[in-house]
């Protein structure tokens, strides 16, 4: 993939749901990302997986009680996308 296409697939494609989820990791120890939103609803698997695919979040550890829940933390790339978004 060319550098221009790679850039376009990154910062330009961040959604409001992704930003909201990633921002919550900035306030948590170790960058832990929440399983639930501010209203108590489970964060969309689509949001979680897309952030992992883009390198903005990474799986942190397995939850033995709920193995289908992916516990993630914010990555350096995730922090960078948040900084980029704040500058807009």
Protein backbone atom coordinates (compact mmCIF):
# COMPACT_ATOMS: atom_id res chain seq x y z
CA UNK A 1 0.00 0.00 0.00
CA UNK A 2 1.38 3.42 -0.87
CA UNK A 3 2.15 5.93 1.90
CA UNK A 4 -0.68 8.24 0.76
CA UNK A 5 -3.23 5.41 0.79
CA UNK A 6 -1.94 4.19 4.17
CA UNK A 7 -2.31 7.70 5.65
CA UNK A 8 -5.83 8.03 4.26
CA UNK A 9 -6.81 4.66 5.75
CA UNK A 10 -5.58 5.84 9.16
CA UNK A 11 -6.30 9.28 10.58
CA UNK A 12 -8.98 10.26 8.09
CA UNK A 13 -11.14 7.25 8.88
CA UNK A 14 -11.49 7.53 12.65
CA UNK A 15 -15.14 7.51 13.76
CA UNK A 16 -16.79 9.34 16.65
CA UNK A 17 -17.39 6.00 18.42
CA UNK A 18 -13.71 5.07 18.07
CA UNK A 19 -12.58 8.45 19.42
CA UNK A 20 -14.95 8.24 22.40
CA UNK A 21 -13.68 4.77 23.29
CA UNK A 22 -9.98 5.57 22.80
CA UNK A 23 -10.25 8.81 24.82
CA UNK A 24 -11.42 6.86 27.83
CA UNK A 25 -8.16 4.90 27.75
CA UNK A 26 -6.18 8.11 28.21
CA UNK A 27 -7.63 8.50 31.70
CA UNK A 28 -7.05 4.93 32.87
CA UNK A 29 -3.92 3.36 34.38
CA UNK A 30 -1.94 1.59 31.67
CA UNK A 31 -4.33 2.92 29.02
CA UNK A 32 -6.96 0.27 29.82
CA UNK A 33 -9.94 0.63 27.52
CA UNK A 34 -13.42 0.09 28.97
CA UNK A 35 -15.72 -2.80 28.20
CA UNK A 36 -18.78 -0.60 28.71
CA UNK A 37 -19.69 2.92 27.61
CA UNK A 38 -20.75 5.71 29.95
CA UNK A 39 -24.36 4.45 29.84
CA UNK A 40 -23.44 0.92 30.88
CA UNK A 41 -23.81 -0.64 27.40
CA UNK A 42 -21.12 -2.98 26.12
CA UNK A 43 -18.79 -1.22 23.68
CA UNK A 44 -19.48 -2.46 20.16
CA UNK A 45 -17.32 -5.39 19.05
CA UNK A 46 -17.04 -3.60 15.70
CA UNK A 47 -15.48 -0.56 17.38
CA UNK A 48 -13.08 -2.71 19.38
CA UNK A 49 -11.99 -4.86 16.43
CA UNK A 50 -11.58 -1.93 14.06
CA UNK A 51 -9.34 -0.13 16.58
CA UNK A 52 -7.27 -3.29 17.02
CA UNK A 53 -7.01 -3.72 13.23
CA UNK A 54 -5.78 -0.14 12.85
CA UNK A 55 -3.24 -0.56 15.65
CA UNK A 56 -4.89 1.99 17.98
CA UNK A 57 -5.69 -0.63 20.63
CA UNK A 58 -4.28 -4.02 21.47
CA UNK A 59 -5.57 -6.98 23.44
CA UNK A 60 -4.18 -6.80 26.97
CA UNK A 61 -5.22 -10.05 28.64
CA UNK A 62 -7.91 -12.71 28.52
CA UNK A 63 -10.95 -12.56 30.78
CA UNK A 64 -11.49 -16.11 32.08
CA UNK A 65 -15.08 -15.34 33.12
CA UNK A 66 -16.06 -13.85 29.75
CA UNK A 67 -13.63 -15.20 27.13
CA UNK A 68 -15.58 -13.51 24.30
CA UNK A 69 -14.84 -10.06 25.79
CA UNK A 70 -11.61 -8.52 24.52
CA UNK A 71 -9.85 -6.49 27.19
CA UNK A 72 -7.69 -3.90 25.46
CA UNK A 73 -5.31 -1.08 26.13
CA UNK A 74 -4.47 2.04 24.19
CA UNK A 75 -1.35 1.86 22.01
CA UNK A 76 1.11 4.60 21.12
CA UNK A 77 -0.60 4.77 17.72
CA UNK A 78 -3.92 5.21 19.49
CA UNK A 79 -2.51 8.07 21.53
CA UNK A 80 -1.15 9.62 18.31
CA UNK A 81 -4.54 9.41 16.57
CA UNK A 82 -6.12 11.14 19.57
CA UNK A 83 -3.51 13.91 19.43
CA UNK A 84 -4.12 14.29 15.69
CA UNK A 85 -7.87 14.44 16.28
CA UNK A 86 -7.50 17.11 19.01
CA UNK A 87 -5.50 19.34 16.65
CA UNK A 88 -8.35 19.45 14.10
